[in-house]
Amino acid sequence: MNHQSLQERKLYDLHAPNASTGIINGESSNVLNWDDVRFKWAYPMYKNMLANFWTPFEINMSNDRKQWPELTAEEQESFKKIIGLLAFLDSVQTDYSAKVADYLTDSSLAALMQVLSFQEVVHNQSYSYILSSLVDKQEQDEIFEYWKHDDVLKERNNFIAEGYERFVDEKSPQAFIESVVYDVVLEGLFFYAGFAFFYNLARNQKMVSTSTMINYINRDELLHVNLFAHIFKETLNENPELNTEENIQFVTDTFKQATELEVNWGRHIIGNKIDGIHMDELEEYIQYTANKRCKLLGAPVPFPGVTENPLKWIKAYKEVDEGKSDFFEQKSRQYTKVSDDNGFDEL
């Protein structure tokens, strides 16, 4: 274990170059010149993040409001529990990304983290926006308290929170690199049972506006995963003492454990009570997603026998990402979306 301390990025440094000498514990003037940055992928990612700009106010919730009473009691319960989960995760993520930014000694990556933090604030506000359209204020407040009382929810949330808190407490390169792995779990795996639930509703013409908002969030999270994957791999390249078999194995082991937690959550919110999603397929989809994230981080996959996405209908959302009208005949999306051309495949 590396117990060296992380140094905070200086407000400015007259004697350091504008292009940093390292992601962590490097030197940087902290003056951002996008034409003089260290990583060639940083500026294209910044442009993609800006192109993804959206707000919840764009989305008309009137049809969802009419459909809400028509959902089954099980669908309503799962809907509310998932929103409660997402509200917790994106709240924690907003704060974690801001804390990480303080220790990124590369001004371009710190800037990307600030944009990411802002997007997480928008995501969190969208959950309030959805609920305020569907339930009264008292019930909305209760849903935002779910994370404190639901045992299955607490177990998976604690898994992430403890990794983040270790980074905040230790402020060491080792704790930093481990927290990045937890971040990819949060943004790249721990949303996915919930996302599948909303996408399944929408493919049955239910709560399509909510699903549209979830799709925008999903698209943002894919960019965030890609950013943290870059940071993980570049940090290992710059710090040979961190580039160990143990840290690569940590990725695989963490995703294996996270998959178990996400599958348990899937059973809790979906099980066999939601038409259109079979639990065995959802479990395999979560395993498939975990494999993708491990490959992205350069680690062995935890589930080598799972090579295909069993929920192939989720691929339909890629059309939304390519700026086309989606298959629910919603409005035409003219925003620049993530697509195969800039590094992402199906959601």
Protein backbone atom coordinates (compact mmCIF):
# COMPACT_ATOMS: atom_id res chain seq x y z
CA MET A 1 0.00 0.00 0.00
CA ASN A 2 1.19 3.50 -0.87
CA HIS A 3 0.69 5.89 2.03
CA GLN A 4 2.26 8.94 0.41
CA SER A 5 0.03 11.99 0.86
CA LEU A 6 -1.76 13.74 -1.96
CA GLN A 7 -1.00 17.41 -2.40
CA GLU A 8 -3.77 19.86 -3.10
CA ARG A 9 -3.66 21.75 -6.37
CA LYS A 10 -2.31 25.24 -5.82
CA LEU A 11 -4.47 28.22 -6.66
CA TYR A 12 -1.65 29.34 -8.94
CA ASP A 13 2.07 28.64 -9.33
CA LEU A 14 4.35 31.12 -11.08
CA HIS A 15 7.09 28.55 -11.53
CA ALA A 16 5.08 25.63 -12.96
CA PRO A 17 4.07 24.96 -16.58
CA ASN A 18 0.48 25.40 -17.77
CA ALA A 19 0.44 21.80 -19.04
CA SER A 20 0.73 19.75 -15.87
CA THR A 21 3.48 17.30 -15.02
CA GLY A 22 1.08 14.83 -13.37
CA ILE A 23 -2.54 14.00 -12.60
CA ILE A 24 -1.73 13.72 -8.89
CA ASN A 25 1.20 15.30 -7.04
CA GLY A 26 2.29 17.05 -10.21
CA GLU A 27 3.17 20.65 -10.98
CA SER A 28 0.85 23.02 -12.79
CA SER A 29 0.45 26.78 -12.97
CA ASN A 30 -3.29 26.08 -12.68
CA VAL A 31 -3.90 28.40 -15.63
CA LEU A 32 -6.07 26.53 -18.13
CA ASN A 33 -5.16 26.89 -21.80
CA TRP A 34 -7.05 24.23 -23.76
CA ASP A 35 -4.42 24.51 -26.50
CA ASP A 36 -1.70 23.62 -24.01
CA VAL A 37 -2.91 20.63 -22.02
CA ARG A 38 -1.23 17.33 -21.36
CA PHE A 39 -3.87 14.86 -22.51
CA LYS A 40 -5.22 15.01 -26.04
CA TRP A 41 -8.52 13.43 -24.99
CA ALA A 42 -9.34 16.16 -22.43
CA TYR A 43 -10.62 18.87 -24.79
CA PRO A 44 -12.80 16.56 -26.94
CA MET A 45 -14.33 15.26 -23.73
CA TYR A 46 -15.00 18.82 -22.58
CA LYS A 47 -16.78 19.55 -25.86
CA ASN A 48 -18.85 16.38 -25.55
CA MET A 49 -19.88 17.29 -22.02
CA LEU A 50 -20.98 20.74 -23.15
CA ALA A 51 -22.86 19.30 -26.11
CA ASN A 52 -24.81 17.12 -23.69
CA PHE A 53 -26.22 20.13 -21.84
CA TRP A 54 -29.85 19.72 -20.84
CA THR A 55 -32.22 20.68 -18.03
CA PRO A 56 -35.27 18.89 -16.63
CA PHE A 57 -37.46 21.85 -17.59
CA GLU A 58 -37.21 20.81 -21.25
CA ILE A 59 -39.29 17.72 -20.56
CA ASN A 60 -43.06 17.92 -20.32
CA MET A 61 -44.29 15.62 -17.56
CA SER A 62 -48.03 16.00 -18.24
CA ASN A 63 -48.47 12.59 -19.87
CA ASP A 64 -46.55 10.87 -17.08
CA ARG A 65 -48.74 12.63 -14.53
CA LYS A 66 -51.82 11.18 -16.22
CA GLN A 67 -50.30 7.69 -16.41
CA TRP A 68 -48.99 7.56 -12.84
CA PRO A 69 -52.30 6.39 -11.27
CA GLU A 70 -52.55 3.69 -13.95
CA LEU A 71 -49.30 1.99 -12.93
CA THR A 72 -49.59 -1.12 -10.79
CA ALA A 73 -48.83 -0.82 -7.08
CA GLU A 74 -45.62 -2.80 -7.70
CA GLU A 75 -44.54 -0.47 -10.50
CA GLN A 76 -45.18 2.59 -8.37
CA GLU A 77 -43.26 1.13 -5.43
CA SER A 78 -40.25 0.24 -7.59
CA PHE A 79 -40.39 3.61 -9.33
CA LYS A 80 -40.22 5.47 -6.02
CA LYS A 81 -37.48 3.27 -4.55
CA ILE A 82 -35.29 3.71 -7.62
CA ILE A 83 -35.72 7.48 -7.57
CA GLY A 84 -34.76 7.39 -3.89
CA LEU A 85 -31.61 5.47 -4.77
CA LEU A 86 -30.63 7.79 -7.60
CA ALA A 87 -31.13 10.84 -5.42
CA PHE A 88 -28.64 9.47 -2.88
CA LEU A 89 -26.02 8.39 -5.41
CA ASP A 90 -25.99 11.64 -7.36
CA SER A 91 -25.91 13.72 -4.17
CA VAL A 92 -22.83 11.83 -2.95
CA GLN A 93 -21.33 11.96 -6.43
CA THR A 94 -21.62 15.74 -6.60
CA ASP A 95 -19.59 16.11 -3.43
CA TYR A 96 -17.05 13.37 -4.22
CA SER A 97 -16.24 14.80 -7.64
CA ALA A 98 -15.68 18.24 -6.11
CA LYS A 99 -13.31 16.77 -3.50
CA VAL A 100 -11.40 14.83 -6.17
CA ALA A 101 -10.96 18.01 -8.19
CA ASP A 102 -8.95 19.57 -5.35
CA TYR A 103 -6.27 16.89 -5.72
CA LEU A 104 -6.05 16.75 -9.51
CA THR A 105 -2.88 18.69 -10.28
CA ASP A 106 -3.92 19.09 -13.90
CA SER A 107 -6.08 22.13 -14.61
CA SER A 108 -7.85 20.54 -17.59
CA LEU A 109 -8.95 17.51 -15.56
CA ALA A 110 -9.98 19.71 -12.66
CA ALA A 111 -12.11 21.70 -15.11
CA LEU A 112 -13.72 18.52 -16.44
CA MET A 113 -14.51 17.52 -12.88
CA GLN A 114 -16.25 20.84 -12.28
CA VAL A 115 -18.46 20.25 -15.33
CA LEU A 116 -19.16 16.72 -14.09
CA SER A 117 -20.16 18.06 -10.67
CA PHE A 118 -22.58 20.49 -12.29
CA GLN A 119 -24.15 17.70 -14.33
CA GLU A 120 -24.67 15.67 -11.17
CA VAL A 121 -26.50 18.63 -9.63
CA VAL A 122 -28.78 18.70 -12.68
CA HIS A 123 -29.38 14.95 -12.35
CA ASN A 124 -30.31 15.34 -8.72
CA GLN A 125 -32.67 18.19 -9.46
CA SER A 126 -34.35 16.08 -12.12
CA TYR A 127 -35.44 13.56 -9.47
CA SER A 128 -37.18 16.32 -7.53
CA TYR A 129 -38.71 17.52 -10.79
CA ILE A 130 -40.07 14.06 -11.60
CA LEU A 131 -41.50 13.48 -8.13
CA SER A 132 -43.05 16.95 -7.85
CA SER A 133 -45.00 16.09 -11.01
CA LEU A 134 -46.33 12.82 -9.60
CA VAL A 135 -46.72 12.88 -5.81
CA ASP A 136 -47.43 15.43 -3.08
CA LYS A 137 -44.67 17.14 -1.10
CA GLN A 138 -44.98 14.86 1.93
CA GLU A 139 -44.51 11.72 -0.17
CA GLN A 140 -41.64 13.31 -2.08
CA ASP A 141 -39.88 14.02 1.22
CA GLU A 142 -40.45 10.42 2.31
CA ILE A 143 -38.92 9.07 -0.91
CA PHE A 144 -35.82 11.19 -0.34
CA GLU A 145 -35.50 9.50 3.07
CA TYR A 146 -35.58 5.92 1.67
CA TRP A 147 -31.79 5.63 1.65
CA LYS A 148 -31.77 5.87 5.45
CA HIS A 149 -34.22 3.04 6.08
CA ASP A 150 -34.16 0.46 3.28
CA ASP A 151 -31.65 -2.23 4.30
CA VAL A 152 -30.88 -3.40 0.75
CA LEU A 153 -30.37 0.20 -0.32
CA LYS A 154 -28.15 0.96 2.67
CA GLU A 155 -25.89 -2.03 2.00
CA ARG A 156 -25.09 -1.02 -1.59
CA ASN A 157 -24.82 2.69 -0.74
CA ASN A 158 -22.39 1.96 2.09
CA PHE A 159 -20.22 -0.01 -0.32
CA ILE A 160 -19.59 3.17 -2.32
CA ALA A 161 -19.63 5.63 0.56
CA GLU A 162 -16.96 3.77 2.51
CA GLY A 163 -14.60 3.82 -0.47
CA TYR A 164 -15.19 7.53 -0.96
CA GLU A 165 -14.75 8.28 2.74
CA ARG A 166 -11.45 6.40 2.81
CA PHE A 167 -10.15 8.74 0.11
CA VAL A 168 -11.41 11.80 1.99
CA ASP A 169 -9.82 10.60 5.26
CA GLU A 170 -6.50 9.25 3.96
CA LYS A 171 -5.84 11.53 0.98
CA SER A 172 -3.28 9.03 -0.31
CA PRO A 173 -2.62 7.95 -3.91
CA GLN A 174 -3.75 4.41 -3.04
CA ALA A 175 -7.04 5.60 -1.56
CA PHE A 176 -7.47 7.90 -4.57
CA ILE A 177 -7.06 5.15 -7.14
CA GLU A 178 -9.42 2.87 -5.23
CA SER A 179 -12.02 5.64 -5.02
CA VAL A 180 -11.87 6.03 -8.79
CA VAL A 181 -12.83 2.36 -9.12
CA TYR A 182 -15.77 2.93 -6.77
CA ASP A 183 -16.77 5.90 -8.89
CA VAL A 184 -16.91 3.73 -12.02
CA VAL A 185 -19.04 1.26 -10.03
CA LEU A 186 -21.42 4.04 -9.01
CA GLU A 187 -21.77 5.67 -12.43
CA GLY A 188 -21.24 2.60 -14.59
CA LEU A 189 -23.03 -0.21 -12.73
CA PHE A 190 -25.12 0.89 -9.75
CA PHE A 191 -27.65 2.75 -11.90
CA TYR A 192 -28.28 -0.04 -14.32
CA ALA A 193 -31.00 -2.17 -12.72
CA GLY A 194 -32.92 1.05 -12.17
CA PHE A 195 -32.31 2.26 -15.71
CA ALA A 196 -33.57 -1.06 -17.08
CA PHE A 197 -36.78 -0.63 -15.05
CA PHE A 198 -37.51 2.80 -16.55
CA TYR A 199 -36.61 1.71 -20.08
CA ASN A 200 -38.91 -1.27 -19.73
CA LEU A 201 -41.78 1.00 -18.69
CA ALA A 202 -41.17 3.24 -21.68
CA ARG A 203 -41.02 0.45 -24.23
CA ASN A 204 -44.52 -0.38 -23.01
CA GLN A 205 -45.53 3.26 -23.55
CA LYS A 206 -45.50 4.03 -19.83
CA MET A 207 -43.84 7.07 -18.20
CA VAL A 208 -42.02 7.99 -21.40
CA SER A 209 -41.04 11.48 -20.21
CA THR A 210 -39.36 10.06 -17.11
CA SER A 211 -37.53 7.57 -19.31
CA THR A 212 -36.37 10.39 -21.59
CA MET A 213 -34.85 12.15 -18.59
CA ILE A 214 -33.26 8.90 -17.42
CA ASN A 215 -31.78 8.46 -20.89
CA TYR A 216 -30.18 11.92 -20.68
CA ILE A 217 -28.74 11.01 -17.29
CA ASN A 218 -27.52 7.66 -18.62
CA ARG A 219 -25.78 9.42 -21.48
CA ASP A 220 -24.01 11.82 -19.09
CA GLU A 221 -22.94 8.96 -16.84
CA LEU A 222 -21.30 7.17 -19.77
CA LEU A 223 -19.12 10.21 -20.36
CA HIS A 224 -18.30 10.37 -16.66
CA VAL A 225 -17.29 6.70 -16.66
CA ASN A 226 -15.03 7.35 -19.62
CA LEU A 227 -13.41 10.32 -17.86
CA PHE A 228 -12.67 8.36 -14.69
CA ALA A 229 -11.39 5.42 -16.73
CA HIS A 230 -8.90 7.77 -18.42
CA ILE A 231 -7.87 9.14 -15.03
CA PHE A 232 -7.43 5.62 -13.63
CA LYS A 233 -5.23 4.39 -16.47
CA GLU A 234 -3.18 7.57 -16.78
CA THR A 235 -2.56 7.64 -13.02
CA LEU A 236 -1.25 4.07 -13.11
CA ASN A 237 0.99 4.96 -16.06
CA GLU A 238 2.41 7.97 -14.22
CA ASN A 239 2.86 6.19 -10.89
CA PRO A 240 4.53 2.78 -11.32
CA GLU A 241 4.19 2.07 -7.60
CA LEU A 242 0.41 2.06 -8.13
CA ASN A 243 0.52 0.01 -11.32
CA THR A 244 0.46 -3.33 -9.54
CA GLU A 245 -1.24 -6.67 -10.03
CA GLU A 246 -2.97 -6.07 -6.71
CA ASN A 247 -4.60 -2.85 -7.93
CA ILE A 248 -5.71 -4.44 -11.19
CA GLN A 249 -7.14 -7.38 -9.25
CA PHE A 250 -8.84 -4.87 -6.95
CA VAL A 251 -10.84 -3.67 -9.97
CA THR A 252 -12.08 -7.17 -10.81
CA ASP A 253 -12.82 -8.08 -7.20
CA THR A 254 -14.64 -4.81 -6.54
CA PHE A 255 -16.86 -5.21 -9.58
CA LYS A 256 -17.62 -8.79 -8.66
CA GLN A 257 -18.78 -7.73 -5.21
CA ALA A 258 -20.63 -4.72 -6.64
CA THR A 259 -22.44 -6.97 -9.09
CA GLU A 260 -23.75 -9.10 -6.23
CA LEU A 261 -25.06 -5.98 -4.52
CA GLU A 262 -26.67 -4.67 -7.71
CA VAL A 263 -28.28 -8.05 -8.42
CA ASN A 264 -29.67 -8.13 -4.86
CA TRP A 265 -31.05 -4.66 -5.44
CA GLY A 266 -32.56 -5.82 -8.74
CA ARG A 267 -34.33 -8.66 -6.94
CA HIS A 268 -35.56 -6.17 -4.36
CA ILE A 269 -37.06 -3.68 -6.81
CA ILE A 270 -37.93 -5.92 -9.76
CA GLY A 271 -37.78 -9.60 -8.83
CA ASN A 272 -40.61 -11.37 -10.66
CA LYS A 273 -43.16 -8.61 -10.11
CA ILE A 274 -42.46 -6.35 -13.12
CA ASP A 275 -43.77 -7.49 -16.50
CA GLY A 276 -41.15 -7.44 -19.24
CA ILE A 277 -38.02 -7.98 -17.14
CA HIS A 278 -36.95 -11.47 -16.13
CA MET A 279 -34.61 -11.54 -13.17
CA ASP A 280 -32.22 -14.05 -14.73
CA GLU A 281 -31.80 -11.75 -17.74
CA LEU A 282 -31.36 -8.70 -15.53
CA GLU A 283 -28.67 -10.52 -13.52
CA GLU A 284 -26.82 -11.41 -16.71
CA TYR A 285 -27.19 -7.81 -17.97
CA ILE A 286 -25.60 -6.51 -14.77
CA GLN A 287 -22.75 -9.04 -15.14
CA TYR A 288 -22.32 -8.04 -18.79
CA THR A 289 -22.11 -4.37 -17.75
CA ALA A 290 -19.55 -5.16 -15.03
CA ASN A 291 -17.41 -6.95 -17.61
CA LYS A 292 -17.52 -3.89 -19.88
CA ARG A 293 -16.38 -1.60 -17.09
CA CYS A 294 -13.51 -3.89 -16.11
CA LYS A 295 -12.33 -4.06 -19.72
CA LEU A 296 -12.45 -0.27 -19.88
CA LEU A 297 -10.24 -0.07 -16.79
CA GLY A 298 -7.83 -2.68 -18.20
CA ALA A 299 -8.70 -5.40 -15.71
CA PRO A 300 -9.77 -9.05 -16.14
CA VAL A 301 -13.52 -9.52 -16.38
CA PRO A 302 -15.26 -11.05 -13.34
CA PHE A 303 -17.77 -13.00 -15.46
CA PRO A 304 -15.91 -14.45 -18.46
CA GLY A 305 -18.87 -16.61 -19.47
CA VAL A 306 -21.06 -13.55 -20.11
CA THR A 307 -20.26 -12.04 -23.50
CA GLU A 308 -23.58 -10.69 -24.82
CA ASN A 309 -26.20 -8.23 -23.64
CA PRO A 310 -29.34 -10.28 -22.83
CA LEU A 311 -31.55 -7.15 -22.76
CA LYS A 312 -31.04 -6.26 -26.39
CA TRP A 313 -34.05 -3.95 -26.46
CA ILE A 314 -32.06 -1.43 -24.42
CA LYS A 315 -29.97 -0.87 -27.56
CA ALA A 316 -32.93 0.99 -29.01
CA TYR A 317 -31.93 3.94 -26.85
CA LYS A 318 -28.78 4.36 -28.90
CA GLU A 319 -31.00 5.95 -31.54
CA VAL A 320 -31.87 8.70 -29.09
CA ASP A 321 -28.15 9.21 -28.57
CA GLU A 322 -27.63 9.70 -32.28
CA GLY A 323 -30.05 12.61 -32.45
CA LYS A 324 -32.94 10.72 -34.06
CA SER A 325 -36.55 10.55 -32.99
CA ASP A 326 -36.82 7.71 -30.52
CA PHE A 327 -39.07 4.73 -30.97
CA PHE A 328 -41.66 6.20 -28.63
CA GLU A 329 -42.25 9.00 -31.17
CA GLN A 330 -41.14 11.62 -28.71
CA LYS A 331 -39.78 14.94 -29.94
CA SER A 332 -36.79 14.77 -32.25
CA ARG A 333 -33.56 15.13 -30.26
CA GLN A 334 -31.28 17.66 -31.96
CA TYR A 335 -28.60 17.68 -29.28
CA THR A 336 -25.25 16.07 -29.92
CA LYS A 337 -25.41 12.63 -28.36
CA VAL A 338 -22.89 10.01 -27.43
CA SER A 339 -22.55 7.49 -30.23
CA ASP A 340 -20.30 4.77 -31.59
CA ASP A 341 -18.26 7.50 -33.27
CA ASN A 342 -16.99 8.85 -29.96
CA GLY A 343 -16.40 5.68 -28.11
CA PHE A 344 -19.60 4.22 -26.70
CA ASP A 345 -21.71 1.30 -27.74
CA GLU A 346 -25.07 0.32 -26.33
CA LEU A 347 -26.21 1.55 -22.95
